[in-house]
């Protein structure tokens, strides 16, 4: 077994529990965490003793999304407005940077989707932005009653993911993909993002119970039937939709506007990430669902 710095890898009950282990950062998806997690997926997928994977997060979050760590001064002091580029950066370089990054991100989701071993998501708290996409790309998704989903990064000029449209439907995906609003576990169940809601203390047991039932079926049969679903959706166009998603995501990131972004960067320079998020999300409070739905 590999030695991982950012995850816990625990084989048990004919499966493996992979836990994102950056609880102080709410399991924000740093480069190291992403690398460890995908290496662990491959390790599990190549181990004949592992019949299923459970993915969860340590602490009070599944994952808060991409790591938005700011420097000591807060924010990016070199951003030049009105175009939102770094000092000396061309529009071409900015667009290419995001295109490369977003294509790599979609390939990571496809990596999970295409595994031969089913992934059961144990969503134990905040699952935001990229955290929500990692939660939803799991093949079976069980949510704690304390789970909260959302794509608040949309509010600071970013993109949604077609996976929300696939699972929640066109109308629901736009309702939350155009606002970045939070939804709680009940709303996630209603619109089809998760399979079931359980109490927090029962979450892992429910996931292991499902995994053990999967392990009662021939491994080759599980593999084929998993691909009946995942590859079938590819044949219907999901693969192309995801790839187009990556291309359009780069355009979303380059749709910089000073009147919708600079005030957040100014807040970050003064008070760091917390101030940045308060400036970004303050106008949207209260959220329609979740712990921030009350003033």
C-alpha atoms as a PDB file:
ATOM      1  CA  UNK A   1       0.000   0.000   0.000  1.00  0.00           C
ATOM      2  CA  UNK A   2       1.275   3.459  -0.866  1.00  0.00           C
ATOM      3  CA  UNK A   3       2.113   5.991   1.834  1.00  0.00           C
ATOM      4  CA  UNK A   4      -0.376   8.855   1.483  1.00  0.00           C
ATOM      5  CA  UNK A   5       0.045  12.274   3.075  1.00  0.00           C
ATOM      6  CA  UNK A   6      -3.439  13.742   2.496  1.00  0.00           C
ATOM      7  CA  UNK A   7      -5.801  10.784   2.749  1.00  0.00           C
ATOM      8  CA  UNK A   8      -6.475   7.786   4.967  1.00  0.00           C
ATOM      9  CA  UNK A   9      -6.658   4.427   3.171  1.00  0.00           C
ATOM     10  CA  UNK A  10      -8.292   1.675   5.212  1.00  0.00           C
ATOM     11  CA  UNK A  11      -9.149  -1.741   3.814  1.00  0.00           C
ATOM     12  CA  UNK A  12     -12.054  -3.365   5.633  1.00  0.00           C
ATOM     13  CA  UNK A  13     -15.229  -5.356   5.098  1.00  0.00           C
ATOM     14  CA  UNK A  14     -14.257  -6.377   1.522  1.00  0.00           C
ATOM     15  CA  UNK A  15     -13.839  -2.739   0.534  1.00  0.00           C
ATOM     16  CA  UNK A  16     -11.700   0.303   1.224  1.00  0.00           C
ATOM     17  CA  UNK A  17     -12.544   3.521   3.035  1.00  0.00           C
ATOM     18  CA  UNK A  18     -10.747   6.519   1.508  1.00  0.00           C
ATOM     19  CA  UNK A  19     -10.952   9.592   3.728  1.00  0.00           C
ATOM     20  CA  UNK A  20      -9.834  13.039   2.585  1.00  0.00           C
ATOM     21  CA  UNK A  21      -7.764  14.120   5.558  1.00  0.00           C
ATOM     22  CA  UNK A  22      -7.325  17.891   5.648  1.00  0.00           C
ATOM     23  CA  UNK A  23      -9.982  18.652   8.271  1.00  0.00           C
ATOM     24  CA  UNK A  24      -8.586  22.055   9.284  1.00  0.00           C
ATOM     25  CA  UNK A  25      -8.953  23.174   5.658  1.00  0.00           C
ATOM     26  CA  UNK A  26     -12.378  21.469   5.320  1.00  0.00           C
ATOM     27  CA  UNK A  27     -10.678  19.021   2.934  1.00  0.00           C
ATOM     28  CA  UNK A  28     -10.031  21.738   0.353  1.00  0.00           C
ATOM     29  CA  UNK A  29      -8.726  20.061  -2.786  1.00  0.00           C
ATOM     30  CA  UNK A  30      -5.050  20.949  -2.884  1.00  0.00           C
ATOM     31  CA  UNK A  31      -2.839  19.470  -5.590  1.00  0.00           C
ATOM     32  CA  UNK A  32      -1.498  16.993  -3.044  1.00  0.00           C
ATOM     33  CA  UNK A  33      -4.937  15.839  -1.969  1.00  0.00           C
ATOM     34  CA  UNK A  34      -6.080  15.360  -5.556  1.00  0.00           C
ATOM     35  CA  UNK A  35      -2.923  13.408  -6.397  1.00  0.00           C
ATOM     36  CA  UNK A  36      -3.218  11.137  -3.363  1.00  0.00           C
ATOM     37  CA  UNK A  37      -6.919  10.535  -3.894  1.00  0.00           C
ATOM     38  CA  UNK A  38      -6.621   9.497  -7.533  1.00  0.00           C
ATOM     39  CA  UNK A  39      -3.597   7.302  -6.800  1.00  0.00           C
ATOM     40  CA  UNK A  40      -5.688   5.633  -4.093  1.00  0.00           C
ATOM     41  CA  UNK A  41      -8.539   5.051  -6.557  1.00  0.00           C
ATOM     42  CA  UNK A  42      -6.119   3.267  -8.872  1.00  0.00           C
ATOM     43  CA  UNK A  43      -4.646   1.227  -6.008  1.00  0.00           C
ATOM     44  CA  UNK A  44      -8.107   0.105  -4.932  1.00  0.00           C
ATOM     45  CA  UNK A  45      -9.208  -0.608  -8.496  1.00  0.00           C
ATOM     46  CA  UNK A  46      -6.214  -2.914  -9.040  1.00  0.00           C
ATOM     47  CA  UNK A  47      -6.675  -4.834  -5.770  1.00  0.00           C
ATOM     48  CA  UNK A  48      -8.832  -7.971  -6.249  1.00  0.00           C
ATOM     49  CA  UNK A  49      -9.658  -7.957  -2.532  1.00  0.00           C
ATOM     50  CA  UNK A  50     -11.368  -4.551  -2.837  1.00  0.00           C
ATOM     51  CA  UNK A  51     -14.932  -4.890  -4.120  1.00  0.00           C
ATOM     52  CA  UNK A  52     -16.052  -1.302  -3.489  1.00  0.00           C
ATOM     53  CA  UNK A  53     -14.677   2.090  -2.455  1.00  0.00           C
ATOM     54  CA  UNK A  54     -16.200   4.466   0.104  1.00  0.00           C
ATOM     55  CA  UNK A  55     -15.130   8.101  -0.258  1.00  0.00           C
ATOM     56  CA  UNK A  56     -15.652  10.552   2.600  1.00  0.00           C
ATOM     57  CA  UNK A  57     -14.022  13.508   4.339  1.00  0.00           C
ATOM     58  CA  UNK A  58     -12.544  13.971   7.808  1.00  0.00           C
ATOM     59  CA  UNK A  59     -14.129  16.517  10.128  1.00  0.00           C
ATOM     60  CA  UNK A  60     -17.172  18.633   9.337  1.00  0.00           C
ATOM     61  CA  UNK A  61     -16.846  18.657   5.553  1.00  0.00           C
ATOM     62  CA  UNK A  62     -16.756  16.192   2.723  1.00  0.00           C
ATOM     63  CA  UNK A  63     -14.859  18.877   0.808  1.00  0.00           C
ATOM     64  CA  UNK A  64     -15.272  22.650   0.606  1.00  0.00           C
ATOM     65  CA  UNK A  65     -13.944  22.597  -2.970  1.00  0.00           C
ATOM     66  CA  UNK A  66     -10.764  23.855  -4.574  1.00  0.00           C
ATOM     67  CA  UNK A  67      -8.104  25.245  -2.267  1.00  0.00           C
ATOM     68  CA  UNK A  68      -8.540  29.032  -2.337  1.00  0.00           C
ATOM     69  CA  UNK A  69      -5.598  29.778  -0.054  1.00  0.00           C
ATOM     70  CA  UNK A  70      -4.401  33.359  -0.291  1.00  0.00           C
ATOM     71  CA  UNK A  71      -0.960  34.725   0.380  1.00  0.00           C
ATOM     72  CA  UNK A  72      -0.022  36.461   3.611  1.00  0.00           C
ATOM     73  CA  UNK A  73      -1.308  39.754   2.289  1.00  0.00           C
ATOM     74  CA  UNK A  74      -4.576  38.246   1.114  1.00  0.00           C
ATOM     75  CA  UNK A  75      -5.723  38.199  -2.480  1.00  0.00           C
ATOM     76  CA  UNK A  76      -3.647  38.673  -5.591  1.00  0.00           C
ATOM     77  CA  UNK A  77      -2.085  42.125  -5.381  1.00  0.00           C
ATOM     78  CA  UNK A  78      -0.821  41.845  -8.975  1.00  0.00           C
ATOM     79  CA  UNK A  79      -4.252  41.628 -10.599  1.00  0.00           C
ATOM     80  CA  UNK A  80      -4.724  44.469 -13.046  1.00  0.00           C
ATOM     81  CA  UNK A  81      -8.184  45.797 -13.768  1.00  0.00           C
ATOM     82  CA  UNK A  82     -10.403  46.333 -15.731  1.00  0.00           C
ATOM     83  CA  UNK A  83      -9.480  43.020 -17.377  1.00  0.00           C
ATOM     84  CA  UNK A  84      -8.656  40.977 -14.260  1.00  0.00           C
ATOM     85  CA  UNK A  85      -5.326  39.696 -15.570  1.00  0.00           C
ATOM     86  CA  UNK A  86      -2.098  39.299 -13.661  1.00  0.00           C
ATOM     87  CA  UNK A  87       0.598  41.886 -14.252  1.00  0.00           C
ATOM     88  CA  UNK A  88       2.106  41.258 -17.679  1.00  0.00           C
ATOM     89  CA  UNK A  89      -0.232  38.369 -18.544  1.00  0.00           C
ATOM     90  CA  UNK A  90      -1.865  38.192 -21.968  1.00  0.00           C
ATOM     91  CA  UNK A  91      -5.482  37.250 -22.556  1.00  0.00           C
ATOM     92  CA  UNK A  92      -4.252  34.275 -24.586  1.00  0.00           C
ATOM     93  CA  UNK A  93      -2.102  33.001 -21.708  1.00  0.00           C
ATOM     94  CA  UNK A  94      -4.924  33.478 -19.184  1.00  0.00           C
ATOM     95  CA  UNK A  95      -7.392  31.578 -21.374  1.00  0.00           C
ATOM     96  CA  UNK A  96      -4.912  28.785 -22.080  1.00  0.00           C
ATOM     97  CA  UNK A  97      -4.125  28.439 -18.371  1.00  0.00           C
ATOM     98  CA  UNK A  98      -7.765  27.925 -17.484  1.00  0.00           C
ATOM     99  CA  UNK A  99      -8.439  25.689 -20.472  1.00  0.00           C
ATOM    100  CA  UNK A 100      -5.576  23.392 -19.462  1.00  0.00           C
ATOM    101  CA  UNK A 101      -6.649  23.373 -15.817  1.00  0.00           C
ATOM    102  CA  UNK A 102     -10.337  22.772 -16.530  1.00  0.00           C
ATOM    103  CA  UNK A 103      -9.657  19.960 -18.990  1.00  0.00           C
ATOM    104  CA  UNK A 104      -7.470  18.266 -16.383  1.00  0.00           C
ATOM    105  CA  UNK A 105     -10.272  18.628 -13.841  1.00  0.00           C
ATOM    106  CA  UNK A 106     -12.841  16.979 -16.087  1.00  0.00           C
ATOM    107  CA  UNK A 107     -10.406  14.110 -16.735  1.00  0.00           C
ATOM    108  CA  UNK A 108     -10.196  13.544 -12.975  1.00  0.00           C
ATOM    109  CA  UNK A 109     -13.985  13.215 -12.770  1.00  0.00           C
ATOM    110  CA  UNK A 110     -13.945  10.871 -15.749  1.00  0.00           C
ATOM    111  CA  UNK A 111     -11.252   8.838 -14.011  1.00  0.00           C
ATOM    112  CA  UNK A 112     -13.614   8.171 -11.105  1.00  0.00           C
ATOM    113  CA  UNK A 113     -16.560   7.526 -13.430  1.00  0.00           C
ATOM    114  CA  UNK A 114     -14.623   4.929 -15.452  1.00  0.00           C
ATOM    115  CA  UNK A 115     -13.252   2.824 -12.589  1.00  0.00           C
ATOM    116  CA  UNK A 116     -14.102  -0.879 -12.538  1.00  0.00           C
ATOM    117  CA  UNK A 117     -14.813  -0.638  -8.809  1.00  0.00           C
ATOM    118  CA  UNK A 118     -17.951   1.212  -7.673  1.00  0.00           C
ATOM    119  CA  UNK A 119     -17.448   4.284  -5.491  1.00  0.00           C
ATOM    120  CA  UNK A 120     -19.952   4.958  -2.711  1.00  0.00           C
ATOM    121  CA  UNK A 121     -19.936   8.585  -1.573  1.00  0.00           C
ATOM    122  CA  UNK A 122     -20.409   9.168   2.172  1.00  0.00           C
ATOM    123  CA  UNK A 123     -21.237  12.879   2.179  1.00  0.00           C
ATOM    124  CA  UNK A 124     -20.809  13.966   5.778  1.00  0.00           C
ATOM    125  CA  UNK A 125     -21.053  17.778   5.676  1.00  0.00           C
ATOM    126  CA  UNK A 126     -20.134  20.621   3.344  1.00  0.00           C
ATOM    127  CA  UNK A 127     -19.777  19.534  -0.285  1.00  0.00           C
ATOM    128  CA  UNK A 128     -19.191  22.743  -2.208  1.00  0.00           C
ATOM    129  CA  UNK A 129     -17.888  23.619  -5.675  1.00  0.00           C
ATOM    130  CA  UNK A 130     -15.388  20.934  -6.711  1.00  0.00           C
ATOM    131  CA  UNK A 131     -16.362  19.131  -3.518  1.00  0.00           C
ATOM    132  CA  UNK A 132     -19.917  18.840  -4.809  1.00  0.00           C
ATOM    133  CA  UNK A 133     -18.683  17.486  -8.142  1.00  0.00           C
ATOM    134  CA  UNK A 134     -16.535  14.839  -6.450  1.00  0.00           C
ATOM    135  CA  UNK A 135     -19.544  13.896  -4.327  1.00  0.00           C
ATOM    136  CA  UNK A 136     -21.908  13.628  -7.277  1.00  0.00           C
ATOM    137  CA  UNK A 137     -19.575  11.648  -9.531  1.00  0.00           C
ATOM    138  CA  UNK A 138     -19.580   8.799  -6.994  1.00  0.00           C
ATOM    139  CA  UNK A 139     -21.648   5.941  -8.361  1.00  0.00           C
ATOM    140  CA  UNK A 140     -23.881   5.688  -5.285  1.00  0.00           C
ATOM    141  CA  UNK A 141     -24.222   8.747  -3.049  1.00  0.00           C
ATOM    142  CA  UNK A 142     -25.418   8.601   0.566  1.00  0.00           C
ATOM    143  CA  UNK A 143     -25.797  11.902   2.418  1.00  0.00           C
ATOM    144  CA  UNK A 144     -25.745  12.705   6.093  1.00  0.00           C
ATOM    145  CA  UNK A 145     -28.698  14.792   7.228  1.00  0.00           C
ATOM    146  CA  UNK A 146     -26.079  17.507   7.852  1.00  0.00           C
ATOM    147  CA  UNK A 147     -24.830  17.543   4.244  1.00  0.00           C
ATOM    148  CA  UNK A 148     -24.887  20.796   2.289  1.00  0.00           C
ATOM    149  CA  UNK A 149     -24.276  21.022  -1.463  1.00  0.00           C
ATOM    150  CA  UNK A 150     -23.618  24.081  -3.599  1.00  0.00           C
ATOM    151  CA  UNK A 151     -21.491  25.806  -6.209  1.00  0.00           C
ATOM    152  CA  UNK A 152     -20.781  29.197  -4.601  1.00  0.00           C
ATOM    153  CA  UNK A 153     -17.694  29.691  -6.777  1.00  0.00           C
ATOM    154  CA  UNK A 154     -20.111  30.821  -9.483  1.00  0.00           C
ATOM    155  CA  UNK A 155     -20.408  34.046  -7.497  1.00  0.00           C
ATOM    156  CA  UNK A 156     -16.740  34.911  -8.049  1.00  0.00           C
ATOM    157  CA  UNK A 157     -16.817  34.244 -11.808  1.00  0.00           C
ATOM    158  CA  UNK A 158     -16.497  30.512 -12.309  1.00  0.00           C
ATOM    159  CA  UNK A 159     -18.370  27.627 -13.893  1.00  0.00           C
ATOM    160  CA  UNK A 160     -20.954  25.011 -13.054  1.00  0.00           C
ATOM    161  CA  UNK A 161     -20.642  21.356 -14.059  1.00  0.00           C
ATOM    162  CA  UNK A 162     -22.883  19.424 -16.444  1.00  0.00           C
ATOM    163  CA  UNK A 163     -23.117  16.652 -13.859  1.00  0.00           C
ATOM    164  CA  UNK A 164     -25.675  18.766 -12.000  1.00  0.00           C
ATOM    165  CA  UNK A 165     -27.811  18.876 -15.155  1.00  0.00           C
ATOM    166  CA  UNK A 166     -27.488  15.131 -15.681  1.00  0.00           C
ATOM    167  CA  UNK A 167     -28.621  14.286 -12.154  1.00  0.00           C
ATOM    168  CA  UNK A 168     -30.931  17.141 -11.125  1.00  0.00           C
ATOM    169  CA  UNK A 169     -32.452  17.955 -14.508  1.00  0.00           C
ATOM    170  CA  UNK A 170     -32.308  21.116 -16.569  1.00  0.00           C
ATOM    171  CA  UNK A 171     -34.584  23.329 -14.438  1.00  0.00           C
ATOM    172  CA  UNK A 172     -33.085  22.417 -11.056  1.00  0.00           C
ATOM    173  CA  UNK A 173     -29.533  22.615 -12.395  1.00  0.00           C
ATOM    174  CA  UNK A 174     -30.120  26.145 -13.645  1.00  0.00           C
ATOM    175  CA  UNK A 175     -31.860  27.195 -10.418  1.00  0.00           C
ATOM    176  CA  UNK A 176     -28.723  26.419  -8.434  1.00  0.00           C
ATOM    177  CA  UNK A 177     -26.102  26.719 -11.173  1.00  0.00           C
ATOM    178  CA  UNK A 178     -26.935  30.350 -11.950  1.00  0.00           C
ATOM    179  CA  UNK A 179     -26.940  31.510  -8.314  1.00  0.00           C
ATOM    180  CA  UNK A 180     -24.489  29.311  -6.420  1.00  0.00           C
ATOM    181  CA  UNK A 181     -27.160  28.829  -3.731  1.00  0.00           C
ATOM    182  CA  UNK A 182     -26.761  26.140  -1.082  1.00  0.00           C
ATOM    183  CA  UNK A 183     -29.078  23.148  -0.859  1.00  0.00           C
ATOM    184  CA  UNK A 184     -29.486  20.809   2.089  1.00  0.00           C
ATOM    185  CA  UNK A 185     -29.693  17.017   2.070  1.00  0.00           C
ATOM    186  CA  UNK A 186     -33.482  16.993   1.713  1.00  0.00           C
ATOM    187  CA  UNK A 187     -33.405  19.180  -1.388  1.00  0.00           C
ATOM    188  CA  UNK A 188     -30.506  17.121  -2.784  1.00  0.00           C
ATOM    189  CA  UNK A 189     -32.624  13.985  -2.403  1.00  0.00           C
ATOM    190  CA  UNK A 190     -35.680  15.644  -3.922  1.00  0.00           C
ATOM    191  CA  UNK A 191     -33.881  16.697  -7.102  1.00  0.00           C
ATOM    192  CA  UNK A 192     -31.928  13.462  -7.511  1.00  0.00           C
ATOM    193  CA  UNK A 193     -28.387  14.295  -6.405  1.00  0.00           C
ATOM    194  CA  UNK A 194     -28.243  11.592  -3.716  1.00  0.00           C
ATOM    195  CA  UNK A 195     -29.688   8.120  -3.157  1.00  0.00           C
ATOM    196  CA  UNK A 196     -30.562   8.343   0.518  1.00  0.00           C
ATOM    197  CA  UNK A 197     -30.245  10.467   3.671  1.00  0.00           C
ATOM    198  CA  UNK A 198     -29.198   8.991   7.030  1.00  0.00           C
ATOM    199  CA  UNK A 199     -28.236  10.411  10.393  1.00  0.00           C
ATOM    200  CA  UNK A 200     -24.547  11.381  10.718  1.00  0.00           C
ATOM    201  CA  UNK A 201     -23.716   8.526  13.098  1.00  0.00           C
ATOM    202  CA  UNK A 202     -25.201   5.992  10.673  1.00  0.00           C
ATOM    203  CA  UNK A 203     -23.519   7.268   7.501  1.00  0.00           C
ATOM    204  CA  UNK A 204     -20.512   4.971   7.203  1.00  0.00           C
ATOM    205  CA  UNK A 205     -22.444   1.918   8.370  1.00  0.00           C
ATOM    206  CA  UNK A 206     -25.048   2.521   5.659  1.00  0.00           C
ATOM    207  CA  UNK A 207     -22.312   2.803   3.041  1.00  0.00           C
ATOM    208  CA  UNK A 208     -20.528  -0.338   4.232  1.00  0.00           C
ATOM    209  CA  UNK A 209     -23.845  -2.193   4.248  1.00  0.00           C
ATOM    210  CA  UNK A 210     -24.411  -1.296   0.595  1.00  0.00           C
ATOM    211  CA  UNK A 211     -20.809  -2.194  -0.238  1.00  0.00           C
ATOM    212  CA  UNK A 212     -21.103  -5.603   1.398  1.00  0.00           C
ATOM    213  CA  UNK A 213     -24.240  -6.306  -0.639  1.00  0.00           C
ATOM    214  CA  UNK A 214     -22.312  -5.413  -3.791  1.00  0.00           C
ATOM    215  CA  UNK A 215     -19.556  -7.811  -2.693  1.00  0.00           C
ATOM    216  CA  UNK A 216     -22.067 -10.702  -2.688  1.00  0.00           C
ATOM    217  CA  UNK A 217     -22.272 -10.403  -6.499  1.00  0.00           C
ATOM    218  CA  UNK A 218     -19.619 -11.773  -8.855  1.00  0.00           C
ATOM    219  CA  UNK A 219     -16.910  -9.103  -9.386  1.00  0.00           C
ATOM    220  CA  UNK A 220     -17.016  -9.488 -13.166  1.00  0.00           C
ATOM    221  CA  UNK A 221     -20.794  -9.022 -13.134  1.00  0.00           C
ATOM    222  CA  UNK A 222     -20.502  -5.890 -10.993  1.00  0.00           C
ATOM    223  CA  UNK A 223     -17.855  -4.502 -13.361  1.00  0.00           C
ATOM    224  CA  UNK A 224     -19.979  -5.120 -16.459  1.00  0.00           C
ATOM    225  CA  UNK A 225     -23.178  -3.749 -14.937  1.00  0.00           C
ATOM    226  CA  UNK A 226     -21.342  -0.675 -13.685  1.00  0.00           C
ATOM    227  CA  UNK A 227     -20.213  -0.036 -17.262  1.00  0.00           C
ATOM    228  CA  UNK A 228     -23.715  -0.656 -18.631  1.00  0.00           C
ATOM    229  CA  UNK A 229     -24.701   2.526 -16.774  1.00  0.00           C
ATOM    230  CA  UNK A 230     -21.590   4.665 -17.082  1.00  0.00           C
ATOM    231  CA  UNK A 231     -20.634   3.796 -20.661  1.00  0.00           C
ATOM    232  CA  UNK A 232     -24.275   3.962 -21.694  1.00  0.00           C
ATOM    233  CA  UNK A 233     -24.385   7.582 -20.577  1.00  0.00           C
ATOM    234  CA  UNK A 234     -21.186   8.189 -22.518  1.00  0.00           C
ATOM    235  CA  UNK A 235     -22.857   6.783 -25.635  1.00  0.00           C
ATOM    236  CA  UNK A 236     -25.772   9.164 -25.049  1.00  0.00           C
ATOM    237  CA  UNK A 237     -23.361  12.096 -25.079  1.00  0.00           C
ATOM    238  CA  UNK A 238     -22.074  12.603 -21.523  1.00  0.00           C
ATOM    239  CA  UNK A 239     -18.432  12.294 -22.596  1.00  0.00           C
ATOM    240  CA  UNK A 240     -18.850  15.029 -25.198  1.00  0.00           C
ATOM    241  CA  UNK A 241     -20.873  17.189 -22.799  1.00  0.00           C
ATOM    242  CA  UNK A 242     -18.134  16.963 -20.164  1.00  0.00           C
ATOM    243  CA  UNK A 243     -15.418  17.804 -22.664  1.00  0.00           C
ATOM    244  CA  UNK A 244     -17.406  20.800 -23.897  1.00  0.00           C
ATOM    245  CA  UNK A 245     -17.921  21.718 -20.229  1.00  0.00           C
ATOM    246  CA  UNK A 246     -14.144  22.000 -19.863  1.00  0.00           C
ATOM    247  CA  UNK A 247     -13.848  24.271 -22.892  1.00  0.00           C
ATOM    248  CA  UNK A 248     -16.696  26.538 -21.767  1.00  0.00           C
ATOM    249  CA  UNK A 249     -15.353  26.574 -18.204  1.00  0.00           C
ATOM    250  CA  UNK A 250     -12.255  28.326 -19.461  1.00  0.00           C
ATOM    251  CA  UNK A 251     -14.486  31.008 -20.985  1.00  0.00           C
ATOM    252  CA  UNK A 252     -16.392  31.342 -17.710  1.00  0.00           C
ATOM    253  CA  UNK A 253     -13.142  31.998 -15.861  1.00  0.00           C
ATOM    254  CA  UNK A 254     -12.109  34.616 -18.396  1.00  0.00           C
ATOM    255  CA  UNK A 255     -15.413  36.500 -18.163  1.00  0.00           C
ATOM    256  CA  UNK A 256     -13.754  38.819 -15.642  1.00  0.00           C
ATOM    257  CA  UNK A 257     -15.551  42.055 -14.744  1.00  0.00           C
ATOM    258  CA  UNK A 258     -14.183  44.616 -12.362  1.00  0.00           C
ATOM    259  CA  UNK A 259     -17.629  45.496 -10.973  1.00  0.00           C
ATOM    260  CA  UNK A 260     -18.302  41.858 -10.038  1.00  0.00           C
ATOM    261  CA  UNK A 261     -14.870  40.810  -8.741  1.00  0.00           C
ATOM    262  CA  UNK A 262     -12.516  43.563  -7.622  1.00  0.00           C
ATOM    263  CA  UNK A 263     -14.337  44.235  -4.339  1.00  0.00           C
ATOM    264  CA  UNK A 264     -13.750  40.598  -3.333  1.00  0.00           C
ATOM    265  CA  UNK A 265     -10.042  40.844  -4.036  1.00  0.00           C
ATOM    266  CA  UNK A 266      -9.857  44.108  -2.102  1.00  0.00           C
ATOM    267  CA  UNK A 267     -11.538  42.413   0.859  1.00  0.00           C
ATOM    268  CA  UNK A 268      -9.041  39.548   0.655  1.00  0.00           C
ATOM    269  CA  UNK A 269      -6.116  41.962   0.782  1.00  0.00           C
ATOM    270  CA  UNK A 270      -7.494  43.408   3.985  1.00  0.00           C
ATOM    271  CA  UNK A 271      -8.734  40.297   5.763  1.00  0.00           C
ATOM    272  CA  UNK A 272      -7.677  37.180   3.882  1.00  0.00           C
ATOM    273  CA  UNK A 273      -9.856  34.322   2.727  1.00  0.00           C
ATOM    274  CA  UNK A 274     -12.552  34.809   5.364  1.00  0.00           C
ATOM    275  CA  UNK A 275     -13.129  38.405   4.273  1.00  0.00           C
ATOM    276  CA  UNK A 276     -13.114  37.341   0.633  1.00  0.00           C
ATOM    277  CA  UNK A 277     -15.865  34.779   1.263  1.00  0.00           C
ATOM    278  CA  UNK A 278     -17.901  37.195   3.366  1.00  0.00           C
ATOM    279  CA  UNK A 279     -17.762  39.770   0.583  1.00  0.00           C
ATOM    280  CA  UNK A 280     -18.692  37.151  -2.002  1.00  0.00           C
ATOM    281  CA  UNK A 281     -21.527  35.413  -0.151  1.00  0.00           C
ATOM    282  CA  UNK A 282     -22.904  38.227   1.983  1.00  0.00           C
ATOM    283  CA  UNK A 283     -25.361  39.548  -0.632  1.00  0.00           C
ATOM    284  CA  UNK A 284     -26.808  36.023  -1.014  1.00  0.00           C
ATOM    285  CA  UNK A 285     -27.645  35.583   2.672  1.00  0.00           C
ATOM    286  CA  UNK A 286     -29.799  33.959   3.850  1.00  0.00           C
ATOM    287  CA  UNK A 287     -29.322  30.875   1.699  1.00  0.00           C
ATOM    288  CA  UNK A 288     -32.509  29.037   0.675  1.00  0.00           C
ATOM    289  CA  UNK A 289     -31.404  25.832   2.466  1.00  0.00           C
ATOM    290  CA  UNK A 290     -28.850  24.658   4.989  1.00  0.00           C
ATOM    291  CA  UNK A 291     -27.332  26.175   8.113  1.00  0.00           C
ATOM    292  CA  UNK A 292     -27.135  29.658   6.579  1.00  0.00           C
ATOM    293  CA  UNK A 293     -30.827  29.771   5.654  1.00  0.00           C
ATOM    294  CA  UNK A 294     -31.701  31.800   8.764  1.00  0.00           C
ATOM    295  CA  UNK A 295     -30.552  35.352   9.308  1.00  0.00           C
END
